[in-house]
C-alpha atoms as a PDB file:
ATOM      1  CA  UNK A   1     -22.124  15.901  14.330  1.00  0.00           C
ATOM      2  CA  UNK A   2     -21.624  18.066  11.244  1.00  0.00           C
ATOM      3  CA  UNK A   3     -24.082  15.924   9.250  1.00  0.00           C
ATOM      4  CA  UNK A   4     -26.680  16.202  12.022  1.00  0.00           C
ATOM      5  CA  UNK A   5     -26.331  19.978  12.270  1.00  0.00           C
ATOM      6  CA  UNK A   6     -26.342  20.464   8.485  1.00  0.00           C
ATOM      7  CA  UNK A   7     -29.296  18.081   8.102  1.00  0.00           C
ATOM      8  CA  UNK A   8     -31.192  19.807  10.902  1.00  0.00           C
ATOM      9  CA  UNK A   9     -30.730  23.191   9.257  1.00  0.00           C
ATOM     10  CA  UNK A  10     -31.441  21.753   5.804  1.00  0.00           C
ATOM     11  CA  UNK A  11     -34.857  20.326   6.711  1.00  0.00           C
ATOM     12  CA  UNK A  12     -36.014  23.822   7.667  1.00  0.00           C
ATOM     13  CA  UNK A  13     -35.961  24.951   4.034  1.00  0.00           C
ATOM     14  CA  UNK A  14     -38.182  23.505   1.337  1.00  0.00           C
ATOM     15  CA  UNK A  15     -35.432  23.653  -1.258  1.00  0.00           C
ATOM     16  CA  UNK A  16     -32.999  21.504   0.784  1.00  0.00           C
ATOM     17  CA  UNK A  17     -35.413  19.405   2.876  1.00  0.00           C
ATOM     18  CA  UNK A  18     -35.253  16.324   0.655  1.00  0.00           C
ATOM     19  CA  UNK A  19     -31.448  16.069   0.565  1.00  0.00           C
ATOM     20  CA  UNK A  20     -31.223  16.965   4.269  1.00  0.00           C
ATOM     21  CA  UNK A  21     -33.682  14.183   5.109  1.00  0.00           C
ATOM     22  CA  UNK A  22     -31.453  11.732   3.230  1.00  0.00           C
ATOM     23  CA  UNK A  23     -28.415  12.886   5.222  1.00  0.00           C
ATOM     24  CA  UNK A  24     -30.290  12.590   8.529  1.00  0.00           C
ATOM     25  CA  UNK A  25     -31.784   9.254   7.484  1.00  0.00           C
ATOM     26  CA  UNK A  26     -28.301   7.869   6.807  1.00  0.00           C
ATOM     27  CA  UNK A  27     -26.976   9.176  10.145  1.00  0.00           C
ATOM     28  CA  UNK A  28     -29.861   7.705  12.169  1.00  0.00           C
ATOM     29  CA  UNK A  29     -29.767   4.449  10.230  1.00  0.00           C
ATOM     30  CA  UNK A  30     -26.085   4.109  11.131  1.00  0.00           C
ATOM     31  CA  UNK A  31     -26.825   4.986  14.778  1.00  0.00           C
ATOM     32  CA  UNK A  32     -29.604   2.373  14.817  1.00  0.00           C
ATOM     33  CA  UNK A  33     -27.347  -0.267  13.277  1.00  0.00           C
ATOM     34  CA  UNK A  34     -24.611   0.587  15.786  1.00  0.00           C
ATOM     35  CA  UNK A  35     -26.948  -0.626  18.550  1.00  0.00           C
ATOM     36  CA  UNK A  36     -27.284  -4.126  17.068  1.00  0.00           C
ATOM     37  CA  UNK A  37     -23.942  -5.491  18.352  1.00  0.00           C
ATOM     38  CA  UNK A  38     -25.046  -4.557  21.882  1.00  0.00           C
ATOM     39  CA  UNK A  39     -28.327  -6.417  21.369  1.00  0.00           C
ATOM     40  CA  UNK A  40     -26.479  -9.487  20.083  1.00  0.00           C
ATOM     41  CA  UNK A  41     -23.949  -9.361  22.936  1.00  0.00           C
ATOM     42  CA  UNK A  42     -26.609  -8.995  25.653  1.00  0.00           C
ATOM     43  CA  UNK A  43     -29.998 -10.049  24.256  1.00  0.00           C
ATOM     44  CA  UNK A  44     -31.554 -10.351  27.726  1.00  0.00           C
ATOM     45  CA  UNK A  45     -30.883  -6.689  28.607  1.00  0.00           C
ATOM     46  CA  UNK A  46     -33.749  -4.585  27.285  1.00  0.00           C
ATOM     47  CA  UNK A  47     -31.814  -1.312  27.498  1.00  0.00           C
ATOM     48  CA  UNK A  48     -29.961  -2.420  24.354  1.00  0.00           C
ATOM     49  CA  UNK A  49     -33.241  -2.642  22.427  1.00  0.00           C
ATOM     50  CA  UNK A  50     -34.391   0.658  23.897  1.00  0.00           C
ATOM     51  CA  UNK A  51     -31.311   2.406  22.531  1.00  0.00           C
ATOM     52  CA  UNK A  52     -32.002   0.951  19.086  1.00  0.00           C
ATOM     53  CA  UNK A  53     -35.598   2.196  19.075  1.00  0.00           C
ATOM     54  CA  UNK A  54     -34.631   5.682  20.290  1.00  0.00           C
ATOM     55  CA  UNK A  55     -32.406   6.035  17.215  1.00  0.00           C
ATOM     56  CA  UNK A  56     -34.989   4.324  15.013  1.00  0.00           C
ATOM     57  CA  UNK A  57     -37.545   6.936  16.142  1.00  0.00           C
ATOM     58  CA  UNK A  58     -35.276   9.628  14.714  1.00  0.00           C
ATOM     59  CA  UNK A  59     -34.939   7.620  11.497  1.00  0.00           C
ATOM     60  CA  UNK A  60     -38.754   7.583  11.236  1.00  0.00           C
ATOM     61  CA  UNK A  61     -38.742  11.383  11.498  1.00  0.00           C
ATOM     62  CA  UNK A  62     -36.191  11.663   8.693  1.00  0.00           C
ATOM     63  CA  UNK A  63     -38.259   9.240   6.630  1.00  0.00           C
ATOM     64  CA  UNK A  64     -41.333  11.420   7.207  1.00  0.00           C
ATOM     65  CA  UNK A  65     -39.524  14.503   5.916  1.00  0.00           C
ATOM     66  CA  UNK A  66     -38.416  12.556   2.842  1.00  0.00           C
ATOM     67  CA  UNK A  67     -41.972  11.273   2.298  1.00  0.00           C
ATOM     68  CA  UNK A  68     -43.320  14.828   2.489  1.00  0.00           C
ATOM     69  CA  UNK A  69     -41.021  15.823  -0.389  1.00  0.00           C
ATOM     70  CA  UNK A  70     -41.766  12.740  -2.518  1.00  0.00           C
ATOM     71  CA  UNK A  71     -43.634  13.786  -5.705  1.00  0.00           C
ATOM     72  CA  UNK A  72     -44.845  10.255  -6.506  1.00  0.00           C
ATOM     73  CA  UNK A  73     -48.051   9.780  -4.494  1.00  0.00           C
ATOM     74  CA  UNK A  74     -47.796   5.979  -4.283  1.00  0.00           C
ATOM     75  CA  UNK A  75     -44.203   6.082  -3.054  1.00  0.00           C
ATOM     76  CA  UNK A  76     -45.041   8.872  -0.610  1.00  0.00           C
ATOM     77  CA  UNK A  77     -47.904   6.807   0.799  1.00  0.00           C
ATOM     78  CA  UNK A  78     -45.644   3.748   1.227  1.00  0.00           C
ATOM     79  CA  UNK A  79     -43.028   5.869   3.015  1.00  0.00           C
ATOM     80  CA  UNK A  80     -45.759   7.446   5.172  1.00  0.00           C
ATOM     81  CA  UNK A  81     -46.900   3.969   6.218  1.00  0.00           C
ATOM     82  CA  UNK A  82     -43.337   2.855   7.020  1.00  0.00           C
ATOM     83  CA  UNK A  83     -42.673   5.953   9.123  1.00  0.00           C
ATOM     84  CA  UNK A  84     -45.989   5.548  11.000  1.00  0.00           C
ATOM     85  CA  UNK A  85     -45.497   1.830  11.666  1.00  0.00           C
ATOM     86  CA  UNK A  86     -41.890   2.443  12.700  1.00  0.00           C
ATOM     87  CA  UNK A  87     -42.974   5.116  15.165  1.00  0.00           C
ATOM     88  CA  UNK A  88     -45.665   2.776  16.515  1.00  0.00           C
ATOM     89  CA  UNK A  89     -43.023   0.108  17.135  1.00  0.00           C
ATOM     90  CA  UNK A  90     -40.901   2.711  18.912  1.00  0.00           C
ATOM     91  CA  UNK A  91     -43.816   3.594  21.203  1.00  0.00           C
ATOM     92  CA  UNK A  92     -44.245  -0.101  22.046  1.00  0.00           C
ATOM     93  CA  UNK A  93     -40.514  -0.294  22.783  1.00  0.00           C
ATOM     94  CA  UNK A  94     -40.772   2.741  25.079  1.00  0.00           C
ATOM     95  CA  UNK A  95     -43.626   0.937  26.850  1.00  0.00           C
ATOM     96  CA  UNK A  96     -41.484  -2.150  27.378  1.00  0.00           C
ATOM     97  CA  UNK A  97     -38.533  -0.061  28.590  1.00  0.00           C
ATOM     98  CA  UNK A  98     -40.719   1.544  31.218  1.00  0.00           C
ATOM     99  CA  UNK A  99     -42.170  -1.816  32.258  1.00  0.00           C
ATOM    100  CA  UNK A 100     -38.729  -3.396  32.661  1.00  0.00           C
ATOM    101  CA  UNK A 101     -37.266  -0.316  34.348  1.00  0.00           C
ATOM    102  CA  UNK A 102     -40.336   0.988  36.189  1.00  0.00           C
ATOM    103  CA  UNK A 103     -38.357   1.846  39.325  1.00  0.00           C
ATOM    104  CA  UNK A 104     -35.813   3.860  37.319  1.00  0.00           C
ATOM    105  CA  UNK A 105     -38.631   5.580  35.445  1.00  0.00           C
ATOM    106  CA  UNK A 106     -40.395   6.464  38.705  1.00  0.00           C
ATOM    107  CA  UNK A 107     -37.189   8.006  40.076  1.00  0.00           C
ATOM    108  CA  UNK A 108     -37.118  10.390  37.097  1.00  0.00           C
ATOM    109  CA  UNK A 109     -40.572  11.767  37.929  1.00  0.00           C
ATOM    110  CA  UNK A 110     -40.311  15.023  39.901  1.00  0.00           C
ATOM    111  CA  UNK A 111     -41.192  14.388  43.551  1.00  0.00           C
ATOM    112  CA  UNK A 112     -43.422  17.471  43.704  1.00  0.00           C
ATOM    113  CA  UNK A 113     -45.928  15.996  41.212  1.00  0.00           C
ATOM    114  CA  UNK A 114     -48.927  14.627  43.144  1.00  0.00           C
ATOM    115  CA  UNK A 115     -49.895  11.978  44.044  1.00  0.00           C
ATOM    116  CA  UNK A 116     -46.599  10.035  43.684  1.00  0.00           C
ATOM    117  CA  UNK A 117     -43.816   9.042  41.327  1.00  0.00           C
ATOM    118  CA  UNK A 118     -44.867   5.425  40.734  1.00  0.00           C
ATOM    119  CA  UNK A 119     -48.380   6.420  39.659  1.00  0.00           C
ATOM    120  CA  UNK A 120     -46.959   8.760  37.004  1.00  0.00           C
ATOM    121  CA  UNK A 121     -44.545   6.057  35.831  1.00  0.00           C
ATOM    122  CA  UNK A 122     -47.446   3.623  35.434  1.00  0.00           C
ATOM    123  CA  UNK A 123     -49.626   6.270  33.750  1.00  0.00           C
ATOM    124  CA  UNK A 124     -46.954   7.142  31.166  1.00  0.00           C
ATOM    125  CA  UNK A 125     -46.269   3.456  30.518  1.00  0.00           C
ATOM    126  CA  UNK A 126     -49.952   2.914  29.747  1.00  0.00           C
ATOM    127  CA  UNK A 127     -49.980   6.074  27.614  1.00  0.00           C
ATOM    128  CA  UNK A 128     -47.022   4.789  25.561  1.00  0.00           C
ATOM    129  CA  UNK A 129     -48.806   1.452  25.075  1.00  0.00           C
ATOM    130  CA  UNK A 130     -52.088   3.034  23.986  1.00  0.00           C
ATOM    131  CA  UNK A 131     -50.304   5.407  21.615  1.00  0.00           C
ATOM    132  CA  UNK A 132     -48.316   2.537  20.110  1.00  0.00           C
ATOM    133  CA  UNK A 133     -51.430   0.449  19.532  1.00  0.00           C
ATOM    134  CA  UNK A 134     -53.359   3.368  17.986  1.00  0.00           C
ATOM    135  CA  UNK A 135     -50.443   4.198  15.704  1.00  0.00           C
ATOM    136  CA  UNK A 136     -49.905   0.607  14.591  1.00  0.00           C
ATOM    137  CA  UNK A 137     -53.571  -0.085  13.826  1.00  0.00           C
ATOM    138  CA  UNK A 138     -53.957   3.413  12.335  1.00  0.00           C
ATOM    139  CA  UNK A 139     -56.983   4.342  14.476  1.00  0.00           C
ATOM    140  CA  UNK A 140     -56.816   7.985  15.467  1.00  0.00           C
ATOM    141  CA  UNK A 141     -53.092   7.679  14.756  1.00  0.00           C
ATOM    142  CA  UNK A 142     -52.517  11.396  14.156  1.00  0.00           C
ATOM    143  CA  UNK A 143     -53.940  12.399  17.543  1.00  0.00           C
ATOM    144  CA  UNK A 144     -52.073   9.508  19.204  1.00  0.00           C
ATOM    145  CA  UNK A 145     -48.792  10.696  17.691  1.00  0.00           C
ATOM    146  CA  UNK A 146     -49.432  14.287  18.747  1.00  0.00           C
ATOM    147  CA  UNK A 147     -50.228  13.184  22.298  1.00  0.00           C
ATOM    148  CA  UNK A 148     -47.093  11.021  22.272  1.00  0.00           C
ATOM    149  CA  UNK A 149     -45.073  14.070  21.188  1.00  0.00           C
ATOM    150  CA  UNK A 150     -46.688  16.169  23.935  1.00  0.00           C
ATOM    151  CA  UNK A 151     -45.770  13.560  26.537  1.00  0.00           C
ATOM    152  CA  UNK A 152     -42.173  13.442  25.285  1.00  0.00           C
ATOM    153  CA  UNK A 153     -41.959  17.244  25.353  1.00  0.00           C
ATOM    154  CA  UNK A 154     -43.277  17.254  28.920  1.00  0.00           C
ATOM    155  CA  UNK A 155     -40.575  14.720  29.848  1.00  0.00           C
ATOM    156  CA  UNK A 156     -38.027  17.184  28.495  1.00  0.00           C
ATOM    157  CA  UNK A 157     -39.485  20.130  30.398  1.00  0.00           C
ATOM    158  CA  UNK A 158     -40.298  18.395  33.689  1.00  0.00           C
ATOM    159  CA  UNK A 159     -37.432  15.897  33.891  1.00  0.00           C
ATOM    160  CA  UNK A 160     -34.417  16.930  31.840  1.00  0.00           C
ATOM    161  CA  UNK A 161     -34.427  20.735  32.082  1.00  0.00           C
ATOM    162  CA  UNK A 162     -34.459  20.680  35.918  1.00  0.00           C
ATOM    163  CA  UNK A 163     -31.685  18.055  35.882  1.00  0.00           C
ATOM    164  CA  UNK A 164     -29.648  20.228  33.514  1.00  0.00           C
ATOM    165  CA  UNK A 165     -30.059  23.219  35.786  1.00  0.00           C
ATOM    166  CA  UNK A 166     -29.114  21.172  38.870  1.00  0.00           C
ATOM    167  CA  UNK A 167     -26.212  19.297  37.242  1.00  0.00           C
ATOM    168  CA  UNK A 168     -25.029  20.964  34.020  1.00  0.00           C
ATOM    169  CA  UNK A 169     -21.746  19.041  34.236  1.00  0.00           C
ATOM    170  CA  UNK A 170     -23.478  15.663  33.735  1.00  0.00           C
ATOM    171  CA  UNK A 171     -23.229  14.541  30.119  1.00  0.00           C
ATOM    172  CA  UNK A 172     -26.179  12.147  30.556  1.00  0.00           C
ATOM    173  CA  UNK A 173     -28.511  15.070  31.305  1.00  0.00           C
ATOM    174  CA  UNK A 174     -27.489  16.849  28.108  1.00  0.00           C
ATOM    175  CA  UNK A 175     -27.766  13.759  25.917  1.00  0.00           C
ATOM    176  CA  UNK A 176     -31.162  12.737  27.333  1.00  0.00           C
ATOM    177  CA  UNK A 177     -32.437  16.319  27.024  1.00  0.00           C
ATOM    178  CA  UNK A 178     -31.394  16.496  23.367  1.00  0.00           C
ATOM    179  CA  UNK A 179     -32.633  12.988  22.555  1.00  0.00           C
ATOM    180  CA  UNK A 180     -36.021  13.649  24.159  1.00  0.00           C
ATOM    181  CA  UNK A 181     -36.611  16.756  22.075  1.00  0.00           C
ATOM    182  CA  UNK A 182     -35.275  15.106  18.920  1.00  0.00           C
ATOM    183  CA  UNK A 183     -37.791  12.278  19.413  1.00  0.00           C
ATOM    184  CA  UNK A 184     -40.508  14.876  20.037  1.00  0.00           C
ATOM    185  CA  UNK A 185     -39.671  16.528  16.721  1.00  0.00           C
ATOM    186  CA  UNK A 186     -39.566  13.193  14.914  1.00  0.00           C
ATOM    187  CA  UNK A 187     -43.009  12.280  16.253  1.00  0.00           C
ATOM    188  CA  UNK A 188     -44.472  15.657  15.251  1.00  0.00           C
ATOM    189  CA  UNK A 189     -42.997  15.234  11.768  1.00  0.00           C
ATOM    190  CA  UNK A 190     -44.634  11.822  11.397  1.00  0.00           C
ATOM    191  CA  UNK A 191     -47.932  13.316  12.655  1.00  0.00           C
ATOM    192  CA  UNK A 192     -47.976  15.679   9.681  1.00  0.00           C
ATOM    193  CA  UNK A 193     -47.858  12.939   7.039  1.00  0.00           C
ATOM    194  CA  UNK A 194     -50.550  13.095   4.367  1.00  0.00           C
ATOM    195  CA  UNK A 195     -51.761   9.514   4.245  1.00  0.00           C
ATOM    196  CA  UNK A 196     -53.655   9.203   7.517  1.00  0.00           C
END
């Protein structure tokens, strides 16, 4: 927790951004690796993979901050590519999560959004897939990443903030709220990379 807070503050300042990105990269790498035993124990349950890619998305954001501070152009470009491809794989994973858990996804959609919850679940699943493909093949990747970040931010505003207001005692609402906006920030950081 201390490393995440210190790293989050550190990336806000040019002087400390590089070292802060290393700290955050180590934290999110460890969080990603911590998901692997769950994948090995239950390889048929996609939620295990989804958890890995949520943490890996944050690692891609940390990598993007590090790449932005890299003075060697060739190394910065290689890191840019890794962060972009990693984020593209995360978007594909989010697509698969929504396909496998479409009913759960639909239940998260606010009921007041017309025309219905299942249509929005299908629409966002397709949007994740299209963003992932565009990012991976590097065709209009920057706009795809920004639209992905917008969609994630809207999830936070439309899904998790109302749930926090309704049930502030539920830890899941707080963790999903924070994770959604962390992934939004990671995506926006990758979108600002120089090499595409």
